[in-house]
Amino acid sequence: MINCSVCQTENDQYSTVCKKCGGFLQNRIPNLDLFDVLWKIIENPRTAFRLIMRAEHKNYALFLYTLSGIALTFTGFWYFKLGERFENILFIVILGTLIGIPFGIALCPIASSLHWGLSKIFDNKASFRNSLGITSYSLTPIVISLLFVLPIELLTFGMYFFTFNPPPITIKPVLYMLLIGFDIALALWSWILLIIGTNVGNQISLWKSIVINSVVYGLIVIGLVAGGGYALKMF
């Protein structure tokens, strides 16, 4: 909480104007600086999420979801080994991008609404706008995976990264396990950021944040696997 210096009324820590007298409590943050926030996410997540909560516009949220949609699409291609169905790595890259963009855009309101709905169960102060900011910027590690890990995987293994025959682990086992380990670590980091963001942004206790985001991640993973399997049967 933050006390008004004029009337001493207690206000929410992210308020910029006193709810009683209208006096200014702290500086307005109209928009977020993408690279500044991303660096703060890496350096000090709690500071970053406090900044996100205070911002009037959660700009770049859709952009981060779109990039994450592309990353998750390629993860699906790897999981379902779609390289068995195609012969050209360039086609896989183009297809993954074309599917990933609308997928990320669609995931944005779905994941944000899910997070918002579960947060409301534990805290009536939770808002969709805050959930949008929390979930989108917690995807920073997924974006890092797309921009830095995936290109190495594609350049190293090519089509074989998405096939069973031969399995990519038989080509360069140490490098393959290292890259998959990076992907797993980044996914885990994203989940931890989501917990921190929920704890800081919605002012919900740590254990409740863990419960909320375990359910969010679990439902999304189940939905992706089930949806991907259904799509494969259809096509």
C-alpha atoms as a PDB file:
ATOM      1  CA  MET A   1       0.000   0.000   0.000  1.00  0.00           C
ATOM      2  CA  ILE A   2       1.008   3.639  -0.520  1.00  0.00           C
ATOM      3  CA  ASN A   3      -0.108   6.520   1.692  1.00  0.00           C
ATOM      4  CA  CYS A   4      -1.181   9.837   0.186  1.00  0.00           C
ATOM      5  CA  SER A   5       1.103  12.653   1.374  1.00  0.00           C
ATOM      6  CA  VAL A   6      -1.854  15.060   1.353  1.00  0.00           C
ATOM      7  CA  CYS A   7      -4.691  13.210   3.130  1.00  0.00           C
ATOM      8  CA  GLN A   8      -2.814  10.123   4.410  1.00  0.00           C
ATOM      9  CA  THR A   9      -5.324   7.783   2.751  1.00  0.00           C
ATOM     10  CA  GLU A  10      -4.036   4.298   1.969  1.00  0.00           C
ATOM     11  CA  ASN A  11      -4.008   3.488  -1.755  1.00  0.00           C
ATOM     12  CA  ASP A  12      -3.021   0.497  -3.826  1.00  0.00           C
ATOM     13  CA  GLN A  13       0.746   0.423  -4.388  1.00  0.00           C
ATOM     14  CA  TYR A  14       0.261   0.744  -8.152  1.00  0.00           C
ATOM     15  CA  SER A  15      -2.085   3.759  -7.991  1.00  0.00           C
ATOM     16  CA  THR A  16      -0.855   7.058  -9.407  1.00  0.00           C
ATOM     17  CA  VAL A  17      -3.696   9.212  -8.019  1.00  0.00           C
ATOM     18  CA  CYS A  18      -5.207   9.170  -4.521  1.00  0.00           C
ATOM     19  CA  LYS A  19      -8.666   7.615  -4.490  1.00  0.00           C
ATOM     20  CA  LYS A  20      -9.864  10.181  -1.925  1.00  0.00           C
ATOM     21  CA  CYS A  21      -8.337  13.575  -2.676  1.00  0.00           C
ATOM     22  CA  GLY A  22      -7.011  13.040  -6.192  1.00  0.00           C
ATOM     23  CA  GLY A  23      -3.466  13.975  -5.258  1.00  0.00           C
ATOM     24  CA  PHE A  24      -0.566  12.483  -7.218  1.00  0.00           C
ATOM     25  CA  LEU A  25       1.086   9.522  -5.523  1.00  0.00           C
ATOM     26  CA  GLN A  26       3.797   8.627  -8.035  1.00  0.00           C
ATOM     27  CA  ASN A  27       4.780   9.290 -11.628  1.00  0.00           C
ATOM     28  CA  ARG A  28       2.546   8.037 -14.446  1.00  0.00           C
ATOM     29  CA  ILE A  29       3.916   5.409 -16.825  1.00  0.00           C
ATOM     30  CA  PRO A  30       1.831   5.731 -20.013  1.00  0.00           C
ATOM     31  CA  ASN A  31       3.760   3.135 -22.045  1.00  0.00           C
ATOM     32  CA  LEU A  32       6.398   0.466 -21.587  1.00  0.00           C
ATOM     33  CA  ASP A  33       9.834   0.491 -23.201  1.00  0.00           C
ATOM     34  CA  LEU A  34      10.165  -3.061 -24.560  1.00  0.00           C
ATOM     35  CA  PHE A  35      13.929  -3.498 -24.283  1.00  0.00           C
ATOM     36  CA  ASP A  36      14.103  -1.788 -20.890  1.00  0.00           C
ATOM     37  CA  VAL A  37      11.398  -4.088 -19.482  1.00  0.00           C
ATOM     38  CA  LEU A  38      12.934  -7.214 -21.035  1.00  0.00           C
ATOM     39  CA  TRP A  39      16.286  -6.363 -19.477  1.00  0.00           C
ATOM     40  CA  LYS A  40      14.616  -5.795 -16.107  1.00  0.00           C
ATOM     41  CA  ILE A  41      12.840  -9.175 -16.489  1.00  0.00           C
ATOM     42  CA  ILE A  42      16.286 -10.779 -16.691  1.00  0.00           C
ATOM     43  CA  GLU A  43      17.960  -8.577 -14.084  1.00  0.00           C
ATOM     44  CA  ASN A  44      15.201  -8.133 -11.481  1.00  0.00           C
ATOM     45  CA  PRO A  45      11.809  -9.707 -12.304  1.00  0.00           C
ATOM     46  CA  ARG A  46       9.991  -8.175  -9.335  1.00  0.00           C
ATOM     47  CA  THR A  47      11.012  -4.655 -10.328  1.00  0.00           C
ATOM     48  CA  ALA A  48      10.001  -5.406 -13.921  1.00  0.00           C
ATOM     49  CA  PHE A  49       6.527  -6.629 -12.990  1.00  0.00           C
ATOM     50  CA  ARG A  50       5.948  -3.646 -10.695  1.00  0.00           C
ATOM     51  CA  LEU A  51       6.758  -1.430 -13.674  1.00  0.00           C
ATOM     52  CA  ILE A  52       4.393  -3.434 -15.900  1.00  0.00           C
ATOM     53  CA  MET A  53       1.573  -3.136 -13.366  1.00  0.00           C
ATOM     54  CA  ARG A  54       1.978   0.637 -13.125  1.00  0.00           C
ATOM     55  CA  ALA A  55       1.969   1.113 -16.906  1.00  0.00           C
ATOM     56  CA  GLU A  56      -1.317   2.412 -18.302  1.00  0.00           C
ATOM     57  CA  HIS A  57      -0.850   0.458 -21.540  1.00  0.00           C
ATOM     58  CA  LYS A  58       0.533  -3.077 -21.641  1.00  0.00           C
ATOM     59  CA  ASN A  59       2.064  -2.427 -25.042  1.00  0.00           C
ATOM     60  CA  TYR A  60       4.021  -5.142 -26.874  1.00  0.00           C
ATOM     61  CA  ALA A  61       1.891  -7.820 -25.174  1.00  0.00           C
ATOM     62  CA  LEU A  62       0.446  -9.037 -28.488  1.00  0.00           C
ATOM     63  CA  PHE A  63       3.906  -8.906 -30.095  1.00  0.00           C
ATOM     64  CA  LEU A  64       5.354 -11.175 -27.375  1.00  0.00           C
ATOM     65  CA  TYR A  65       2.415 -13.561 -27.694  1.00  0.00           C
ATOM     66  CA  THR A  66       2.871 -13.690 -31.468  1.00  0.00           C
ATOM     67  CA  LEU A  67       6.554 -14.614 -31.200  1.00  0.00           C
ATOM     68  CA  SER A  68       5.716 -17.170 -28.519  1.00  0.00           C
ATOM     69  CA  GLY A  69       3.025 -18.639 -30.778  1.00  0.00           C
ATOM     70  CA  ILE A  70       5.669 -19.257 -33.434  1.00  0.00           C
ATOM     71  CA  ALA A  71       7.985 -20.846 -30.845  1.00  0.00           C
ATOM     72  CA  LEU A  72       5.229 -23.130 -29.533  1.00  0.00           C
ATOM     73  CA  THR A  73       4.279 -24.132 -33.081  1.00  0.00           C
ATOM     74  CA  PHE A  74       7.826 -25.337 -33.765  1.00  0.00           C
ATOM     75  CA  THR A  75       7.761 -27.158 -30.432  1.00  0.00           C
ATOM     76  CA  GLY A  76       4.620 -28.912 -31.663  1.00  0.00           C
ATOM     77  CA  PHE A  77       6.330 -29.785 -34.951  1.00  0.00           C
ATOM     78  CA  TRP A  78       9.190 -31.306 -32.937  1.00  0.00           C
ATOM     79  CA  TYR A  79       6.869 -33.186 -30.559  1.00  0.00           C
ATOM     80  CA  PHE A  80       4.740 -34.688 -33.341  1.00  0.00           C
ATOM     81  CA  LYS A  81       7.779 -35.222 -35.621  1.00  0.00           C
ATOM     82  CA  LEU A  82       6.214 -33.479 -38.627  1.00  0.00           C
ATOM     83  CA  GLY A  83       9.465 -33.780 -40.522  1.00  0.00           C
ATOM     84  CA  GLU A  84       8.254 -37.252 -41.509  1.00  0.00           C
ATOM     85  CA  ARG A  85       5.537 -35.594 -43.613  1.00  0.00           C
ATOM     86  CA  PHE A  86       7.681 -33.021 -45.428  1.00  0.00           C
ATOM     87  CA  GLU A  87      10.994 -33.092 -47.240  1.00  0.00           C
ATOM     88  CA  ASN A  88      11.987 -29.421 -47.228  1.00  0.00           C
ATOM     89  CA  ILE A  89      13.221 -27.601 -44.104  1.00  0.00           C
ATOM     90  CA  LEU A  90      12.369 -24.244 -45.703  1.00  0.00           C
ATOM     91  CA  PHE A  91       8.740 -25.349 -46.042  1.00  0.00           C
ATOM     92  CA  ILE A  92       8.701 -26.345 -42.343  1.00  0.00           C
ATOM     93  CA  VAL A  93      10.066 -22.910 -41.352  1.00  0.00           C
ATOM     94  CA  ILE A  94       7.514 -21.036 -43.480  1.00  0.00           C
ATOM     95  CA  LEU A  95       4.634 -23.254 -42.324  1.00  0.00           C
ATOM     96  CA  GLY A  96       5.623 -22.896 -38.676  1.00  0.00           C
ATOM     97  CA  THR A  97       5.721 -19.116 -38.989  1.00  0.00           C
ATOM     98  CA  LEU A  98       2.401 -18.888 -40.855  1.00  0.00           C
ATOM     99  CA  ILE A  99       0.650 -21.115 -38.303  1.00  0.00           C
ATOM    100  CA  GLY A 100       2.432 -19.601 -35.309  1.00  0.00           C
ATOM    101  CA  ILE A 101       1.409 -15.983 -35.928  1.00  0.00           C
ATOM    102  CA  PRO A 102      -2.383 -16.495 -35.760  1.00  0.00           C
ATOM    103  CA  PHE A 103      -1.905 -19.106 -33.049  1.00  0.00           C
ATOM    104  CA  GLY A 104      -0.033 -16.596 -30.863  1.00  0.00           C
ATOM    105  CA  ILE A 105      -2.671 -13.926 -31.510  1.00  0.00           C
ATOM    106  CA  ALA A 106      -5.433 -16.363 -30.512  1.00  0.00           C
ATOM    107  CA  LEU A 107      -3.497 -17.542 -27.453  1.00  0.00           C
ATOM    108  CA  CYS A 108      -3.240 -13.974 -26.139  1.00  0.00           C
ATOM    109  CA  PRO A 109      -6.873 -13.501 -24.992  1.00  0.00           C
ATOM    110  CA  ILE A 110      -7.269 -17.191 -24.071  1.00  0.00           C
ATOM    111  CA  ALA A 111      -4.260 -17.408 -21.732  1.00  0.00           C
ATOM    112  CA  SER A 112      -4.858 -13.924 -20.298  1.00  0.00           C
ATOM    113  CA  SER A 113      -8.523 -14.696 -19.595  1.00  0.00           C
ATOM    114  CA  LEU A 114      -7.628 -18.028 -18.005  1.00  0.00           C
ATOM    115  CA  HIS A 115      -5.053 -16.350 -15.768  1.00  0.00           C
ATOM    116  CA  TRP A 116      -7.471 -13.540 -14.926  1.00  0.00           C
ATOM    117  CA  GLY A 117     -10.322 -15.926 -14.082  1.00  0.00           C
ATOM    118  CA  LEU A 118      -8.181 -18.076 -11.786  1.00  0.00           C
ATOM    119  CA  SER A 119      -6.654 -14.988 -10.143  1.00  0.00           C
ATOM    120  CA  LYS A 120     -10.126 -13.581  -9.436  1.00  0.00           C
ATOM    121  CA  ILE A 121     -10.905 -16.666  -7.359  1.00  0.00           C
ATOM    122  CA  PHE A 122      -8.138 -15.670  -4.926  1.00  0.00           C
ATOM    123  CA  ASP A 123      -8.155 -11.881  -5.356  1.00  0.00           C
ATOM    124  CA  ASN A 124     -10.961  -9.564  -6.448  1.00  0.00           C
ATOM    125  CA  LYS A 125      -8.423  -6.889  -7.429  1.00  0.00           C
ATOM    126  CA  ALA A 126      -7.198  -8.961 -10.369  1.00  0.00           C
ATOM    127  CA  SER A 127      -7.943  -7.453 -13.786  1.00  0.00           C
ATOM    128  CA  PHE A 128      -7.715  -8.699 -17.367  1.00  0.00           C
ATOM    129  CA  ARG A 129      -5.314  -5.864 -18.234  1.00  0.00           C
ATOM    130  CA  ASN A 130      -2.927  -6.894 -15.466  1.00  0.00           C
ATOM    131  CA  SER A 131      -3.159 -10.558 -16.465  1.00  0.00           C
ATOM    132  CA  LEU A 132      -2.350  -9.548 -20.047  1.00  0.00           C
ATOM    133  CA  GLY A 133       0.793  -7.762 -18.876  1.00  0.00           C
ATOM    134  CA  ILE A 134       1.856 -10.546 -16.521  1.00  0.00           C
ATOM    135  CA  THR A 135       1.352 -13.429 -18.951  1.00  0.00           C
ATOM    136  CA  SER A 136       2.849 -11.688 -21.987  1.00  0.00           C
ATOM    137  CA  TYR A 137       6.090 -10.565 -20.358  1.00  0.00           C
ATOM    138  CA  SER A 138       6.505 -13.901 -18.582  1.00  0.00           C
ATOM    139  CA  LEU A 139       6.902 -15.335 -22.093  1.00  0.00           C
ATOM    140  CA  THR A 140      10.287 -13.611 -22.438  1.00  0.00           C
ATOM    141  CA  PRO A 141      12.240 -16.923 -22.099  1.00  0.00           C
ATOM    142  CA  ILE A 142      10.072 -18.512 -24.823  1.00  0.00           C
ATOM    143  CA  VAL A 143      10.969 -15.616 -27.129  1.00  0.00           C
ATOM    144  CA  ILE A 144      14.649 -16.107 -26.253  1.00  0.00           C
ATOM    145  CA  SER A 145      14.296 -19.774 -27.220  1.00  0.00           C
ATOM    146  CA  LEU A 146      12.777 -18.804 -30.582  1.00  0.00           C
ATOM    147  CA  LEU A 147      15.427 -16.209 -31.410  1.00  0.00           C
ATOM    148  CA  PHE A 148      18.555 -17.965 -30.158  1.00  0.00           C
ATOM    149  CA  VAL A 149      18.043 -21.693 -29.505  1.00  0.00           C
ATOM    150  CA  LEU A 150      15.778 -22.694 -32.414  1.00  0.00           C
ATOM    151  CA  PRO A 151      18.122 -21.302 -35.125  1.00  0.00           C
ATOM    152  CA  ILE A 152      20.982 -23.414 -33.721  1.00  0.00           C
ATOM    153  CA  GLU A 153      18.732 -26.480 -33.695  1.00  0.00           C
ATOM    154  CA  LEU A 154      17.678 -25.900 -37.308  1.00  0.00           C
ATOM    155  CA  LEU A 155      21.202 -25.173 -38.540  1.00  0.00           C
ATOM    156  CA  THR A 156      22.637 -28.206 -36.730  1.00  0.00           C
ATOM    157  CA  PHE A 157      20.007 -30.869 -37.421  1.00  0.00           C
ATOM    158  CA  GLY A 158      17.913 -29.487 -40.295  1.00  0.00           C
ATOM    159  CA  MET A 159      14.904 -31.675 -41.112  1.00  0.00           C
ATOM    160  CA  TYR A 160      16.177 -34.387 -38.797  1.00  0.00           C
ATOM    161  CA  PHE A 161      15.264 -32.239 -35.793  1.00  0.00           C
ATOM    162  CA  PHE A 162      11.618 -33.003 -36.639  1.00  0.00           C
ATOM    163  CA  THR A 163      11.958 -36.703 -37.510  1.00  0.00           C
ATOM    164  CA  PHE A 164      12.196 -40.162 -35.960  1.00  0.00           C
ATOM    165  CA  ASN A 165      14.268 -41.549 -38.806  1.00  0.00           C
ATOM    166  CA  PRO A 166      16.976 -40.935 -37.867  1.00  0.00           C
ATOM    167  CA  PRO A 167      16.352 -39.487 -34.399  1.00  0.00           C
ATOM    168  CA  PRO A 168      18.309 -36.238 -34.004  1.00  0.00           C
ATOM    169  CA  ILE A 169      19.867 -37.500 -30.784  1.00  0.00           C
ATOM    170  CA  THR A 170      21.823 -40.093 -32.814  1.00  0.00           C
ATOM    171  CA  ILE A 171      23.410 -37.382 -34.987  1.00  0.00           C
ATOM    172  CA  LYS A 172      24.954 -35.181 -32.288  1.00  0.00           C
ATOM    173  CA  PRO A 173      23.779 -36.574 -28.943  1.00  0.00           C
ATOM    174  CA  VAL A 174      25.625 -34.166 -26.624  1.00  0.00           C
ATOM    175  CA  LEU A 175      24.594 -31.030 -28.516  1.00  0.00           C
ATOM    176  CA  TYR A 176      21.023 -32.281 -28.911  1.00  0.00           C
ATOM    177  CA  MET A 177      20.627 -32.947 -25.193  1.00  0.00           C
ATOM    178  CA  LEU A 178      22.220 -29.590 -24.414  1.00  0.00           C
ATOM    179  CA  LEU A 179      19.807 -27.704 -26.683  1.00  0.00           C
ATOM    180  CA  ILE A 180      16.754 -29.582 -25.402  1.00  0.00           C
ATOM    181  CA  GLY A 181      17.991 -28.870 -21.882  1.00  0.00           C
ATOM    182  CA  PHE A 182      18.129 -25.162 -22.710  1.00  0.00           C
ATOM    183  CA  ASP A 183      14.553 -25.308 -24.028  1.00  0.00           C
ATOM    184  CA  ILE A 184      13.325 -27.042 -20.871  1.00  0.00           C
ATOM    185  CA  ALA A 185      15.181 -24.558 -18.648  1.00  0.00           C
ATOM    186  CA  LEU A 186      13.677 -21.607 -20.541  1.00  0.00           C
ATOM    187  CA  ALA A 187      10.164 -23.067 -20.261  1.00  0.00           C
ATOM    188  CA  LEU A 188      10.692 -23.539 -16.518  1.00  0.00           C
ATOM    189  CA  TRP A 189      11.984 -19.964 -16.248  1.00  0.00           C
ATOM    190  CA  SER A 190       8.860 -18.713 -18.019  1.00  0.00           C
ATOM    191  CA  TRP A 191       6.671 -20.551 -15.485  1.00  0.00           C
ATOM    192  CA  ILE A 192       8.666 -19.069 -12.590  1.00  0.00           C
ATOM    193  CA  LEU A 193       8.297 -15.580 -14.082  1.00  0.00           C
ATOM    194  CA  LEU A 194       4.548 -16.127 -14.325  1.00  0.00           C
ATOM    195  CA  ILE A 195       4.469 -17.054 -10.626  1.00  0.00           C
ATOM    196  CA  ILE A 196       6.531 -13.990  -9.674  1.00  0.00           C
ATOM    197  CA  GLY A 197       4.385 -11.736 -11.860  1.00  0.00           C
ATOM    198  CA  THR A 198       1.183 -13.057 -10.284  1.00  0.00           C
ATOM    199  CA  ASN A 199       2.608 -12.710  -6.790  1.00  0.00           C
ATOM    200  CA  VAL A 200       3.805  -9.132  -7.393  1.00  0.00           C
ATOM    201  CA  GLY A 201       1.198  -7.857  -9.817  1.00  0.00           C
ATOM    202  CA  ASN A 202      -1.980  -9.281  -8.306  1.00  0.00           C
ATOM    203  CA  GLN A 203      -0.563  -9.164  -4.760  1.00  0.00           C
ATOM    204  CA  ILE A 204      -1.435 -12.828  -4.226  1.00  0.00           C
ATOM    205  CA  SER A 205       0.566 -15.073  -1.888  1.00  0.00           C
ATOM    206  CA  LEU A 206       3.323 -17.211  -3.366  1.00  0.00           C
ATOM    207  CA  TRP A 207       1.602 -20.568  -2.863  1.00  0.00           C
ATOM    208  CA  LYS A 208      -1.617 -19.300  -4.447  1.00  0.00           C
ATOM    209  CA  SER A 209       0.422 -17.973  -7.387  1.00  0.00           C
ATOM    210  CA  ILE A 210       2.016 -21.409  -7.797  1.00  0.00           C
ATOM    211  CA  VAL A 211      -1.414 -23.082  -7.817  1.00  0.00           C
ATOM    212  CA  ILE A 212      -2.881 -20.588 -10.309  1.00  0.00           C
ATOM    213  CA  ASN A 213      -0.019 -20.847 -12.752  1.00  0.00           C
ATOM    214  CA  SER A 214       0.377 -24.617 -12.477  1.00  0.00           C
ATOM    215  CA  VAL A 215      -3.253 -24.868 -13.579  1.00  0.00           C
ATOM    216  CA  VAL A 216      -2.727 -22.267 -16.344  1.00  0.00           C
ATOM    217  CA  TYR A 217       0.335 -24.055 -17.723  1.00  0.00           C
ATOM    218  CA  GLY A 218      -1.241 -27.491 -17.339  1.00  0.00           C
ATOM    219  CA  LEU A 219      -4.414 -26.548 -19.216  1.00  0.00           C
ATOM    220  CA  ILE A 220      -2.463 -24.849 -22.006  1.00  0.00           C
ATOM    221  CA  VAL A 221      -0.123 -27.843 -22.459  1.00  0.00           C
ATOM    222  CA  ILE A 222      -3.060 -30.283 -22.473  1.00  0.00           C
ATOM    223  CA  GLY A 223      -4.879 -28.078 -24.960  1.00  0.00           C
ATOM    224  CA  LEU A 224      -1.850 -27.846 -27.256  1.00  0.00           C
ATOM    225  CA  VAL A 225      -1.203 -31.601 -27.236  1.00  0.00           C
ATOM    226  CA  ALA A 226      -4.868 -32.481 -27.733  1.00  0.00           C
ATOM    227  CA  GLY A 227      -5.342 -29.809 -30.422  1.00  0.00           C
ATOM    228  CA  GLY A 228      -2.178 -30.862 -32.235  1.00  0.00           C
ATOM    229  CA  GLY A 229      -3.162 -34.527 -32.196  1.00  0.00           C
ATOM    230  CA  TYR A 230      -6.634 -33.696 -33.500  1.00  0.00           C
ATOM    231  CA  ALA A 231      -5.196 -31.511 -36.280  1.00  0.00           C
ATOM    232  CA  LEU A 232      -2.901 -34.339 -37.393  1.00  0.00           C
ATOM    233  CA  LYS A 233      -5.815 -36.760 -37.629  1.00  0.00           C
ATOM    234  CA  MET A 234      -7.779 -34.248 -39.698  1.00  0.00           C
ATOM    235  CA  PHE A 235      -4.993 -33.569 -42.159  1.00  0.00           C
END
